[in-house]
PDB file of N, CA and C in Angstrom:
ATOM      1  N   MET A   1       0.816  -1.193   0.000  1.00  0.00           N
ATOM      2  CA  MET A   1       0.000   0.000   0.000  1.00  0.00           C
ATOM      3  C   MET A   1       0.857   1.253   0.000  1.00  0.00           C
ATOM      4  N   HIS A   2       1.943   1.212   0.741  1.00  0.00           N
ATOM      5  CA  HIS A   2       2.779   2.394   0.854  1.00  0.00           C
ATOM      6  C   HIS A   2       3.394   2.768  -0.499  1.00  0.00           C
ATOM      7  N   LEU A   3       3.809   1.785  -1.292  1.00  0.00           N
ATOM      8  CA  LEU A   3       4.389   2.042  -2.599  1.00  0.00           C
ATOM      9  C   LEU A   3       3.363   2.669  -3.533  1.00  0.00           C
ATOM     10  N   PHE A   4       2.116   2.165  -3.504  1.00  0.00           N
ATOM     11  CA  PHE A   4       1.063   2.721  -4.348  1.00  0.00           C
ATOM     12  C   PHE A   4       0.793   4.173  -3.993  1.00  0.00           C
ATOM     13  N   GLU A   5       0.768   4.503  -2.728  1.00  0.00           N
ATOM     14  CA  GLU A   5       0.527   5.883  -2.308  1.00  0.00           C
ATOM     15  C   GLU A   5       1.665   6.789  -2.766  1.00  0.00           C
ATOM     16  N   THR A   6       2.893   6.296  -2.723  1.00  0.00           N
ATOM     17  CA  THR A   6       4.042   7.085  -3.166  1.00  0.00           C
ATOM     18  C   THR A   6       3.960   7.337  -4.669  1.00  0.00           C
ATOM     19  N   VAL A   7       3.624   6.302  -5.462  1.00  0.00           N
ATOM     20  CA  VAL A   7       3.494   6.456  -6.907  1.00  0.00           C
ATOM     21  C   VAL A   7       2.360   7.418  -7.221  1.00  0.00           C
ATOM     22  N   GLN A   8       1.260   7.299  -6.521  1.00  0.00           N
ATOM     23  CA  GLN A   8       0.121   8.176  -6.743  1.00  0.00           C
ATOM     24  C   GLN A   8       0.497   9.618  -6.412  1.00  0.00           C
ATOM     25  N   GLN A   9       1.285   9.808  -5.392  1.00  0.00           N
ATOM     26  CA  GLN A   9       1.712  11.153  -5.021  1.00  0.00           C
ATOM     27  C   GLN A   9       2.575  11.764  -6.139  1.00  0.00           C
ATOM     28  N   TYR A  10       3.480  10.988  -6.733  1.00  0.00           N
ATOM     29  CA  TYR A  10       4.315  11.495  -7.815  1.00  0.00           C
ATOM     30  C   TYR A  10       3.500  11.765  -9.081  1.00  0.00           C
ATOM     31  N   LEU A  11       2.489  10.952  -9.336  1.00  0.00           N
ATOM     32  CA  LEU A  11       1.668  11.166 -10.520  1.00  0.00           C
ATOM     33  C   LEU A  11       0.819  12.418 -10.385  1.00  0.00           C
ATOM     34  N   ALA A  12       0.488  12.826  -9.199  1.00  0.00           N
ATOM     35  CA  ALA A  12      -0.348  13.989  -8.977  1.00  0.00           C
ATOM     36  C   ALA A  12       0.477  15.267  -8.830  1.00  0.00           C
ATOM     37  N   TYR A  13       1.775  15.197  -8.955  1.00  0.00           N
ATOM     38  CA  TYR A  13       2.639  16.358  -8.785  1.00  0.00           C
ATOM     39  C   TYR A  13       2.477  17.326  -9.949  1.00  0.00           C
ATOM     40  N   ASP A  14       2.270  18.585  -9.649  1.00  0.00           N
ATOM     41  CA  ASP A  14       2.142  19.631 -10.657  1.00  0.00           C
ATOM     42  C   ASP A  14       3.456  20.388 -10.732  1.00  0.00           C
ATOM     43  N   PRO A  15       4.179  20.295 -11.858  1.00  0.00           N
ATOM     44  CA  PRO A  15       5.467  20.988 -11.935  1.00  0.00           C
ATOM     45  C   PRO A  15       5.331  22.499 -12.057  1.00  0.00           C
ATOM     46  N   GLY A  16       4.149  23.010 -12.389  1.00  0.00           N
ATOM     47  CA  GLY A  16       3.926  24.453 -12.437  1.00  0.00           C
ATOM     48  C   GLY A  16       4.539  25.139 -13.653  1.00  0.00           C
ATOM     49  N   ILE A  17       4.733  24.429 -14.744  1.00  0.00           N
ATOM     50  CA  ILE A  17       5.322  25.007 -15.947  1.00  0.00           C
ATOM     51  C   ILE A  17       4.215  25.612 -16.808  1.00  0.00           C
ATOM     52  N   LYS A  18       4.388  26.887 -17.173  1.00  0.00           N
ATOM     53  CA  LYS A  18       3.429  27.575 -18.030  1.00  0.00           C
ATOM     54  C   LYS A  18       4.206  28.433 -19.026  1.00  0.00           C
ATOM     55  N   PRO A  19       3.761  28.503 -20.283  1.00  0.00           N
ATOM     56  CA  PRO A  19       4.456  29.335 -21.260  1.00  0.00           C
ATOM     57  C   PRO A  19       4.367  30.812 -20.871  1.00  0.00           C
ATOM     58  N   SER A  20       5.480  31.515 -21.000  1.00  0.00           N
ATOM     59  CA  SER A  20       5.463  32.954 -20.746  1.00  0.00           C
ATOM     60  C   SER A  20       6.543  33.605 -21.600  1.00  0.00           C
ATOM     61  N   GLY A  21       6.258  34.795 -22.056  1.00  0.00           N
ATOM     62  CA  GLY A  21       7.212  35.532 -22.878  1.00  0.00           C
ATOM     63  C   GLY A  21       8.220  36.260 -22.006  1.00  0.00           C
ATOM     64  N   GLY A  22       9.339  36.606 -22.607  1.00  0.00           N
ATOM     65  CA  GLY A  22      10.331  37.408 -21.903  1.00  0.00           C
ATOM     66  C   GLY A  22      11.358  36.619 -21.124  1.00  0.00           C
ATOM     67  N   GLY A  23      11.267  35.302 -21.117  1.00  0.00           N
ATOM     68  CA  GLY A  23      12.209  34.502 -20.351  1.00  0.00           C
ATOM     69  C   GLY A  23      13.555  34.340 -21.039  1.00  0.00           C
ATOM     70  N   LEU A  24      13.539  34.299 -22.345  1.00  0.00           N
ATOM     71  CA  LEU A  24      14.766  34.119 -23.118  1.00  0.00           C
ATOM     72  C   LEU A  24      14.886  35.246 -24.142  1.00  0.00           C
ATOM     73  N   PRO A  25      16.100  35.659 -24.425  1.00  0.00           N
ATOM     74  CA  PRO A  25      16.265  36.686 -25.454  1.00  0.00           C
ATOM     75  C   PRO A  25      16.025  36.106 -26.852  1.00  0.00           C
ATOM     76  N   GLY A  26      15.628  36.953 -27.767  1.00  0.00           N
ATOM     77  CA  GLY A  26      15.462  36.531 -29.147  1.00  0.00           C
ATOM     78  C   GLY A  26      14.088  36.032 -29.522  1.00  0.00           C
ATOM     79  N   LEU A  27      13.108  36.149 -28.634  1.00  0.00           N
ATOM     80  CA  LEU A  27      11.765  35.664 -28.953  1.00  0.00           C
ATOM     81  C   LEU A  27      11.177  36.434 -30.135  1.00  0.00           C
ATOM     82  N   SER A  28      11.375  37.735 -30.179  1.00  0.00           N
ATOM     83  CA  SER A  28      10.836  38.524 -31.292  1.00  0.00           C
ATOM     84  C   SER A  28      11.519  38.136 -32.608  1.00  0.00           C
ATOM     85  N   VAL A  29      12.818  37.828 -32.562  1.00  0.00           N
ATOM     86  CA  VAL A  29      13.531  37.397 -33.761  1.00  0.00           C
ATOM     87  C   VAL A  29      12.985  36.053 -34.235  1.00  0.00           C
ATOM     88  N   LEU A  30      12.763  35.134 -33.308  1.00  0.00           N
ATOM     89  CA  LEU A  30      12.217  33.824 -33.671  1.00  0.00           C
ATOM     90  C   LEU A  30      10.833  33.967 -34.288  1.00  0.00           C
ATOM     91  N   LYS A  31       9.998  34.837 -33.720  1.00  0.00           N
ATOM     92  CA  LYS A  31       8.664  35.065 -34.288  1.00  0.00           C
ATOM     93  C   LYS A  31       8.770  35.613 -35.704  1.00  0.00           C
ATOM     94  N   ASN A  32       9.687  36.537 -35.935  1.00  0.00           N
ATOM     95  CA  ASN A  32       9.865  37.088 -37.284  1.00  0.00           C
ATOM     96  C   ASN A  32      10.331  36.020 -38.268  1.00  0.00           C
ATOM     97  N   VAL A  33      11.228  35.148 -37.826  1.00  0.00           N
ATOM     98  CA  VAL A  33      11.714  34.071 -38.695  1.00  0.00           C
ATOM     99  C   VAL A  33      10.570  33.120 -39.049  1.00  0.00           C
ATOM    100  N   VAL A  34       9.774  32.733 -38.060  1.00  0.00           N
ATOM    101  CA  VAL A  34       8.658  31.814 -38.314  1.00  0.00           C
ATOM    102  C   VAL A  34       7.606  32.481 -39.206  1.00  0.00           C
ATOM    103  N   ASN A  35       7.337  33.760 -38.978  1.00  0.00           N
ATOM    104  CA  ASN A  35       6.400  34.482 -39.845  1.00  0.00           C
ATOM    105  C   ASN A  35       6.902  34.507 -41.283  1.00  0.00           C
ATOM    106  N   SER A  36       8.203  34.708 -41.458  1.00  0.00           N
ATOM    107  CA  SER A  36       8.777  34.736 -42.804  1.00  0.00           C
ATOM    108  C   SER A  36       8.713  33.366 -43.465  1.00  0.00           C
ATOM    109  N   ILE A  37       8.955  32.317 -42.698  1.00  0.00           N
ATOM    110  CA  ILE A  37       8.849  30.954 -43.236  1.00  0.00           C
ATOM    111  C   ILE A  37       7.412  30.670 -43.672  1.00  0.00           C
ATOM    112  N   ASN A  38       6.450  31.105 -42.864  1.00  0.00           N
ATOM    113  CA  ASN A  38       5.038  30.903 -43.194  1.00  0.00           C
ATOM    114  C   ASN A  38       4.696  31.662 -44.476  1.00  0.00           C
ATOM    115  N   LEU A  39       5.164  32.897 -44.597  1.00  0.00           N
ATOM    116  CA  LEU A  39       4.900  33.674 -45.802  1.00  0.00           C
ATOM    117  C   LEU A  39       5.548  33.026 -47.017  1.00  0.00           C
ATOM    118  N   PHE A  40       6.782  32.553 -46.870  1.00  0.00           N
ATOM    119  CA  PHE A  40       7.470  31.867 -47.961  1.00  0.00           C
ATOM    120  C   PHE A  40       6.665  30.636 -48.393  1.00  0.00           C
ATOM    121  N   GLY A  41       6.151  29.890 -47.429  1.00  0.00           N
ATOM    122  CA  GLY A  41       5.334  28.714 -47.740  1.00  0.00           C
ATOM    123  C   GLY A  41       4.073  29.082 -48.490  1.00  0.00           C
ATOM    124  N   ILE A  42       3.424  30.169 -48.099  1.00  0.00           N
ATOM    125  CA  ILE A  42       2.196  30.592 -48.773  1.00  0.00           C
ATOM    126  C   ILE A  42       2.501  31.018 -50.212  1.00  0.00           C
ATOM    127  N   VAL A  43       3.596  31.754 -50.406  1.00  0.00           N
ATOM    128  CA  VAL A  43       3.976  32.155 -51.764  1.00  0.00           C
ATOM    129  C   VAL A  43       4.286  30.921 -52.613  1.00  0.00           C
ATOM    130  N   ALA A  44       4.984  29.950 -52.032  1.00  0.00           N
ATOM    131  CA  ALA A  44       5.295  28.717 -52.764  1.00  0.00           C
ATOM    132  C   ALA A  44       4.021  27.961 -53.124  1.00  0.00           C
ATOM    133  N   VAL A  45       3.032  27.971 -52.246  1.00  0.00           N
ATOM    134  CA  VAL A  45       1.766  27.286 -52.523  1.00  0.00           C
ATOM    135  C   VAL A  45       1.022  27.982 -53.658  1.00  0.00           C
ATOM    136  N   VAL A  46       1.104  29.301 -53.717  1.00  0.00           N
ATOM    137  CA  VAL A  46       0.473  30.014 -54.839  1.00  0.00           C
ATOM    138  C   VAL A  46       1.093  29.555 -56.158  1.00  0.00           C
ATOM    139  N   GLY A  47       2.422  29.441 -56.184  1.00  0.00           N
ATOM    140  CA  GLY A  47       3.091  28.956 -57.386  1.00  0.00           C
ATOM    141  C   GLY A  47       2.705  27.523 -57.719  1.00  0.00           C
ATOM    142  N   ALA A  48       2.653  26.663 -56.698  1.00  0.00           N
ATOM    143  CA  ALA A  48       2.281  25.267 -56.915  1.00  0.00           C
ATOM    144  C   ALA A  48       0.847  25.161 -57.429  1.00  0.00           C
ATOM    145  N   LEU A  49      -0.036  25.992 -56.899  1.00  0.00           N
ATOM    146  CA  LEU A  49      -1.424  25.974 -57.355  1.00  0.00           C
ATOM    147  C   LEU A  49      -1.514  26.425 -58.810  1.00  0.00           C
ATOM    148  N   ALA A  50      -0.770  27.468 -59.162  1.00  0.00           N
ATOM    149  CA  ALA A  50      -0.796  27.950 -60.544  1.00  0.00           C
ATOM    150  C   ALA A  50      -0.277  26.879 -61.507  1.00  0.00           C
ATOM    151  N   VAL A  51       0.810  26.220 -61.143  1.00  0.00           N
ATOM    152  CA  VAL A  51       1.359  25.162 -61.995  1.00  0.00           C
ATOM    153  C   VAL A  51       0.372  24.004 -62.098  1.00  0.00           C
ATOM    154  N   SER A  52      -0.200  23.607 -60.980  1.00  0.00           N
ATOM    155  CA  SER A  52      -1.152  22.488 -60.986  1.00  0.00           C
ATOM    156  C   SER A  52      -2.375  22.795 -61.836  1.00  0.00           C
ATOM    157  N   LEU A  53      -2.881  24.006 -61.734  1.00  0.00           N
ATOM    158  CA  LEU A  53      -4.047  24.370 -62.546  1.00  0.00           C
ATOM    159  C   LEU A  53      -3.673  24.404 -64.028  1.00  0.00           C
ATOM    160  N   GLY A  54      -2.466  24.849 -64.331  1.00  0.00           N
ATOM    161  CA  GLY A  54      -2.007  24.827 -65.714  1.00  0.00           C
ATOM    162  C   GLY A  54      -1.878  23.412 -66.252  1.00  0.00           C
ATOM    163  N   VAL A  55      -1.327  22.497 -65.451  1.00  0.00           N
ATOM    164  CA  VAL A  55      -1.208  21.092 -65.868  1.00  0.00           C
ATOM    165  C   VAL A  55      -2.593  20.476 -66.039  1.00  0.00           C
ATOM    166  N   TRP A  56      -3.497  20.809 -65.143  1.00  0.00           N
ATOM    167  CA  TRP A  56      -4.864  20.297 -65.234  1.00  0.00           C
ATOM    168  C   TRP A  56      -5.511  20.755 -66.551  1.00  0.00           C
ATOM    169  N   ALA A  57      -5.389  22.048 -66.851  1.00  0.00           N
ATOM    170  CA  ALA A  57      -5.986  22.586 -68.077  1.00  0.00           C
ATOM    171  C   ALA A  57      -5.316  22.003 -69.316  1.00  0.00           C
ATOM    172  N   TRP A  58      -3.985  21.897 -69.300  1.00  0.00           N
ATOM    173  CA  TRP A  58      -3.249  21.348 -70.445  1.00  0.00           C
ATOM    174  C   TRP A  58      -3.643  19.885 -70.668  1.00  0.00           C
ATOM    175  N   GLY A  59      -3.719  19.115 -69.571  1.00  0.00           N
ATOM    176  CA  GLY A  59      -4.113  17.714 -69.683  1.00  0.00           C
ATOM    177  C   GLY A  59      -5.516  17.556 -70.228  1.00  0.00           C
ATOM    178  N   HIS A  60      -6.412  18.416 -69.798  1.00  0.00           N
ATOM    179  CA  HIS A  60      -7.792  18.349 -70.285  1.00  0.00           C
ATOM    180  C   HIS A  60      -7.855  18.733 -71.769  1.00  0.00           C
ATOM    181  N   HIS A  61      -7.107  19.772 -72.119  1.00  0.00           N
ATOM    182  CA  HIS A  61      -7.146  20.261 -73.507  1.00  0.00           C
ATOM    183  C   HIS A  61      -6.539  19.262 -74.487  1.00  0.00           C
ATOM    184  N   THR A  62      -5.479  18.590 -74.090  1.00  0.00           N
ATOM    185  CA  THR A  62      -4.788  17.670 -74.997  1.00  0.00           C
ATOM    186  C   THR A  62      -5.278  16.225 -74.880  1.00  0.00           C
ATOM    187  N   GLY A  63      -6.158  15.964 -73.946  1.00  0.00           N
ATOM    188  CA  GLY A  63      -6.651  14.604 -73.765  1.00  0.00           C
ATOM    189  C   GLY A  63      -5.697  13.736 -72.957  1.00  0.00           C
ATOM    190  N   GLY A  64      -4.750  14.357 -72.279  1.00  0.00           N
ATOM    191  CA  GLY A  64      -3.817  13.603 -71.439  1.00  0.00           C
ATOM    192  C   GLY A  64      -4.436  13.366 -70.072  1.00  0.00           C
ATOM    193  N   HIS A  65      -5.052  12.211 -69.935  1.00  0.00           N
ATOM    194  CA  HIS A  65      -5.787  11.933 -68.703  1.00  0.00           C
ATOM    195  C   HIS A  65      -4.864  11.868 -67.480  1.00  0.00           C
ATOM    196  N   GLN A  66      -3.646  11.370 -67.683  1.00  0.00           N
ATOM    197  CA  GLN A  66      -2.685  11.296 -66.578  1.00  0.00           C
ATOM    198  C   GLN A  66      -2.301  12.695 -66.105  1.00  0.00           C
ATOM    199  N   ALA A  67      -2.019  13.587 -67.045  1.00  0.00           N
ATOM    200  CA  ALA A  67      -1.661  14.962 -66.700  1.00  0.00           C
ATOM    201  C   ALA A  67      -2.843  15.667 -66.037  1.00  0.00           C
ATOM    202  N   GLU A  68      -4.033  15.426 -66.541  1.00  0.00           N
ATOM    203  CA  GLU A  68      -5.230  16.040 -65.966  1.00  0.00           C
ATOM    204  C   GLU A  68      -5.422  15.581 -64.524  1.00  0.00           C
ATOM    205  N   ALA A  69      -5.253  14.292 -64.280  1.00  0.00           N
ATOM    206  CA  ALA A  69      -5.406  13.754 -62.921  1.00  0.00           C
ATOM    207  C   ALA A  69      -4.324  14.300 -61.996  1.00  0.00           C
ATOM    208  N   ASN A  70      -3.087  14.395 -62.507  1.00  0.00           N
ATOM    209  CA  ASN A  70      -2.009  14.941 -61.681  1.00  0.00           C
ATOM    210  C   ASN A  70      -2.237  16.415 -61.376  1.00  0.00           C
ATOM    211  N   GLY A  71      -2.765  17.162 -62.331  1.00  0.00           N
ATOM    212  CA  GLY A  71      -3.086  18.563 -62.092  1.00  0.00           C
ATOM    213  C   GLY A  71      -4.158  18.726 -61.027  1.00  0.00           C
ATOM    214  N   LYS A  72      -5.159  17.860 -61.072  1.00  0.00           N
ATOM    215  CA  LYS A  72      -6.220  17.900 -60.053  1.00  0.00           C
ATOM    216  C   LYS A  72      -5.650  17.592 -58.674  1.00  0.00           C
ATOM    217  N   LYS A  73      -4.820  16.542 -58.607  1.00  0.00           N
ATOM    218  CA  LYS A  73      -4.207  16.186 -57.318  1.00  0.00           C
ATOM    219  C   LYS A  73      -3.350  17.325 -56.790  1.00  0.00           C
ATOM    220  N   GLY A  74      -2.573  17.936 -57.666  1.00  0.00           N
ATOM    221  CA  GLY A  74      -1.724  19.045 -57.253  1.00  0.00           C
ATOM    222  C   GLY A  74      -2.532  20.222 -56.743  1.00  0.00           C
ATOM    223  N   ALA A  75      -3.652  20.500 -57.397  1.00  0.00           N
ATOM    224  CA  ALA A  75      -4.508  21.609 -56.958  1.00  0.00           C
ATOM    225  C   ALA A  75      -5.105  21.331 -55.578  1.00  0.00           C
ATOM    226  N   VAL A  76      -5.521  20.109 -55.352  1.00  0.00           N
ATOM    227  CA  VAL A  76      -6.090  19.752 -54.047  1.00  0.00           C
ATOM    228  C   VAL A  76      -5.021  19.817 -52.954  1.00  0.00           C
ATOM    229  N   VAL A  77      -3.827  19.311 -53.266  1.00  0.00           N
ATOM    230  CA  VAL A  77      -2.737  19.344 -52.288  1.00  0.00           C
ATOM    231  C   VAL A  77      -2.348  20.790 -51.990  1.00  0.00           C
ATOM    232  N   ALA A  78      -2.267  21.632 -53.007  1.00  0.00           N
ATOM    233  CA  ALA A  78      -1.928  23.038 -52.796  1.00  0.00           C
ATOM    234  C   ALA A  78      -2.994  23.737 -51.959  1.00  0.00           C
ATOM    235  N   ALA A  79      -4.257  23.439 -52.220  1.00  0.00           N
ATOM    236  CA  ALA A  79      -5.330  24.041 -51.426  1.00  0.00           C
ATOM    237  C   ALA A  79      -5.249  23.578 -49.966  1.00  0.00           C
ATOM    238  N   GLY A  80      -4.943  22.308 -49.761  1.00  0.00           N
ATOM    239  CA  GLY A  80      -4.784  21.805 -48.396  1.00  0.00           C
ATOM    240  C   GLY A  80      -3.596  22.435 -47.693  1.00  0.00           C
ATOM    241  N   ALA A  81      -2.507  22.625 -48.428  1.00  0.00           N
ATOM    242  CA  ALA A  81      -1.326  23.268 -47.837  1.00  0.00           C
ATOM    243  C   ALA A  81      -1.635  24.717 -47.477  1.00  0.00           C
ATOM    244  N   ALA A  82      -2.369  25.420 -48.332  1.00  0.00           N
ATOM    245  CA  ALA A  82      -2.756  26.801 -48.030  1.00  0.00           C
ATOM    246  C   ALA A  82      -3.637  26.852 -46.790  1.00  0.00           C
ATOM    247  N   LEU A  83      -4.553  25.899 -46.672  1.00  0.00           N
ATOM    248  CA  LEU A  83      -5.407  25.831 -45.491  1.00  0.00           C
ATOM    249  C   LEU A  83      -4.569  25.603 -44.239  1.00  0.00           C
ATOM    250  N   GLY A  84      -3.635  24.663 -44.318  1.00  0.00           N
ATOM    251  CA  GLY A  84      -2.785  24.369 -43.162  1.00  0.00           C
ATOM    252  C   GLY A  84      -1.904  25.529 -42.772  1.00  0.00           C
ATOM    253  N   LEU A  85      -1.288  26.193 -43.757  1.00  0.00           N
ATOM    254  CA  LEU A  85      -0.424  27.333 -43.455  1.00  0.00           C
ATOM    255  C   LEU A  85      -1.219  28.502 -42.875  1.00  0.00           C
ATOM    256  N   GLY A  86      -2.388  28.746 -43.434  1.00  0.00           N
ATOM    257  CA  GLY A  86      -3.211  29.846 -42.930  1.00  0.00           C
ATOM    258  C   GLY A  86      -3.772  29.580 -41.549  1.00  0.00           C
ATOM    259  N   ALA A  87      -4.042  28.322 -41.254  1.00  0.00           N
ATOM    260  CA  ALA A  87      -4.658  27.970 -39.977  1.00  0.00           C
ATOM    261  C   ALA A  87      -3.645  27.515 -38.929  1.00  0.00           C
ATOM    262  N   ALA A  88      -2.360  27.509 -39.258  1.00  0.00           N
ATOM    263  CA  ALA A  88      -1.348  26.955 -38.346  1.00  0.00           C
ATOM    264  C   ALA A  88      -1.387  27.612 -36.971  1.00  0.00           C
ATOM    265  N   ASN A  89      -1.431  28.929 -36.930  1.00  0.00           N
ATOM    266  CA  ASN A  89      -1.439  29.633 -35.648  1.00  0.00           C
ATOM    267  C   ASN A  89      -2.690  29.291 -34.837  1.00  0.00           C
ATOM    268  N   GLY A  90      -3.838  29.263 -35.499  1.00  0.00           N
ATOM    269  CA  GLY A  90      -5.082  28.935 -34.811  1.00  0.00           C
ATOM    270  C   GLY A  90      -5.126  27.494 -34.330  1.00  0.00           C
ATOM    271  N   ILE A  91      -4.588  26.567 -35.129  1.00  0.00           N
ATOM    272  CA  ILE A  91      -4.569  25.155 -34.731  1.00  0.00           C
ATOM    273  C   ILE A  91      -3.697  24.969 -33.495  1.00  0.00           C
ATOM    274  N   VAL A  92      -2.513  25.572 -33.513  1.00  0.00           N
ATOM    275  CA  VAL A  92      -1.611  25.458 -32.363  1.00  0.00           C
ATOM    276  C   VAL A  92      -2.229  26.122 -31.141  1.00  0.00           C
ATOM    277  N   ALA A  93      -2.832  27.281 -31.319  1.00  0.00           N
ATOM    278  CA  ALA A  93      -3.471  27.972 -30.190  1.00  0.00           C
ATOM    279  C   ALA A  93      -4.620  27.136 -29.619  1.00  0.00           C
ATOM    280  N   PHE A  94      -5.412  26.526 -30.501  1.00  0.00           N
ATOM    281  CA  PHE A  94      -6.540  25.703 -30.052  1.00  0.00           C
ATOM    282  C   PHE A  94      -6.061  24.532 -29.204  1.00  0.00           C
ATOM    283  N   PHE A  95      -5.074  23.779 -29.731  1.00  0.00           N
ATOM    284  CA  PHE A  95      -4.624  22.595 -29.006  1.00  0.00           C
ATOM    285  C   PHE A  95      -3.809  22.973 -27.767  1.00  0.00           C
ATOM    286  N   SER A  96      -3.130  24.101 -27.800  1.00  0.00           N
ATOM    287  CA  SER A  96      -2.419  24.556 -26.610  1.00  0.00           C
ATOM    288  C   SER A  96      -3.415  24.916 -25.506  1.00  0.00           C
ATOM    289  N   THR A  97      -4.490  25.592 -25.866  1.00  0.00           N
ATOM    290  CA  THR A  97      -5.526  25.912 -24.883  1.00  0.00           C
ATOM    291  C   THR A  97      -6.197  24.653 -24.381  1.00  0.00           C
ATOM    292  N   LEU A  98      -6.460  23.723 -25.284  1.00  0.00           N
ATOM    293  CA  LEU A  98      -7.075  22.458 -24.903  1.00  0.00           C
ATOM    294  C   LEU A  98      -6.153  21.688 -23.959  1.00  0.00           C
ATOM    295  N   GLY A  99      -4.859  21.675 -24.270  1.00  0.00           N
ATOM    296  CA  GLY A  99      -3.898  20.977 -23.428  1.00  0.00           C
ATOM    297  C   GLY A  99      -3.739  21.620 -22.062  1.00  0.00           C
ATOM    298  N   SER A 100      -3.881  22.932 -21.983  1.00  0.00           N
ATOM    299  CA  SER A 100      -3.737  23.593 -20.686  1.00  0.00           C
ATOM    300  C   SER A 100      -4.916  23.303 -19.755  1.00  0.00           C
ATOM    301  N   GLN A 101      -6.007  22.792 -20.306  1.00  0.00           N
ATOM    302  CA  GLN A 101      -7.170  22.460 -19.475  1.00  0.00           C
ATOM    303  C   GLN A 101      -7.078  21.067 -18.857  1.00  0.00           C
ATOM    304  N   VAL A 102      -6.067  20.281 -19.277  1.00  0.00           N
ATOM    305  CA  VAL A 102      -5.889  18.948 -18.719  1.00  0.00           C
ATOM    306  C   VAL A 102      -5.258  19.086 -17.338  1.00  0.00           C
ATOM    307  N   HIS A 103      -5.853  18.453 -16.369  1.00  0.00           N
ATOM    308  CA  HIS A 103      -5.323  18.525 -14.996  1.00  0.00           C
ATOM    309  C   HIS A 103      -5.015  17.142 -14.480  1.00  0.00           C
TER     310      HIS A 103
END
């Protein structure tokens, strides 16, 4: 019984760790770098979408069913990537808030 109570006591221990700004230098620089990476990704997705739509149209026009299918897949993947990049901050914020409610 004593061992179980000791294990239970350790499992119930709250380390008290919470995210807070200002603890380490360079947080603003890191945010700028991540924002730039996100913007670069969005610009790349615009290019990928344009190429995919062009392949889709070319495949349809020439009767190339393989090219048409690949263009469609590329357009869907680009749209999904744009959704993910645009929603990244909200997704992380949602799950971080959800995780902070676990006790």
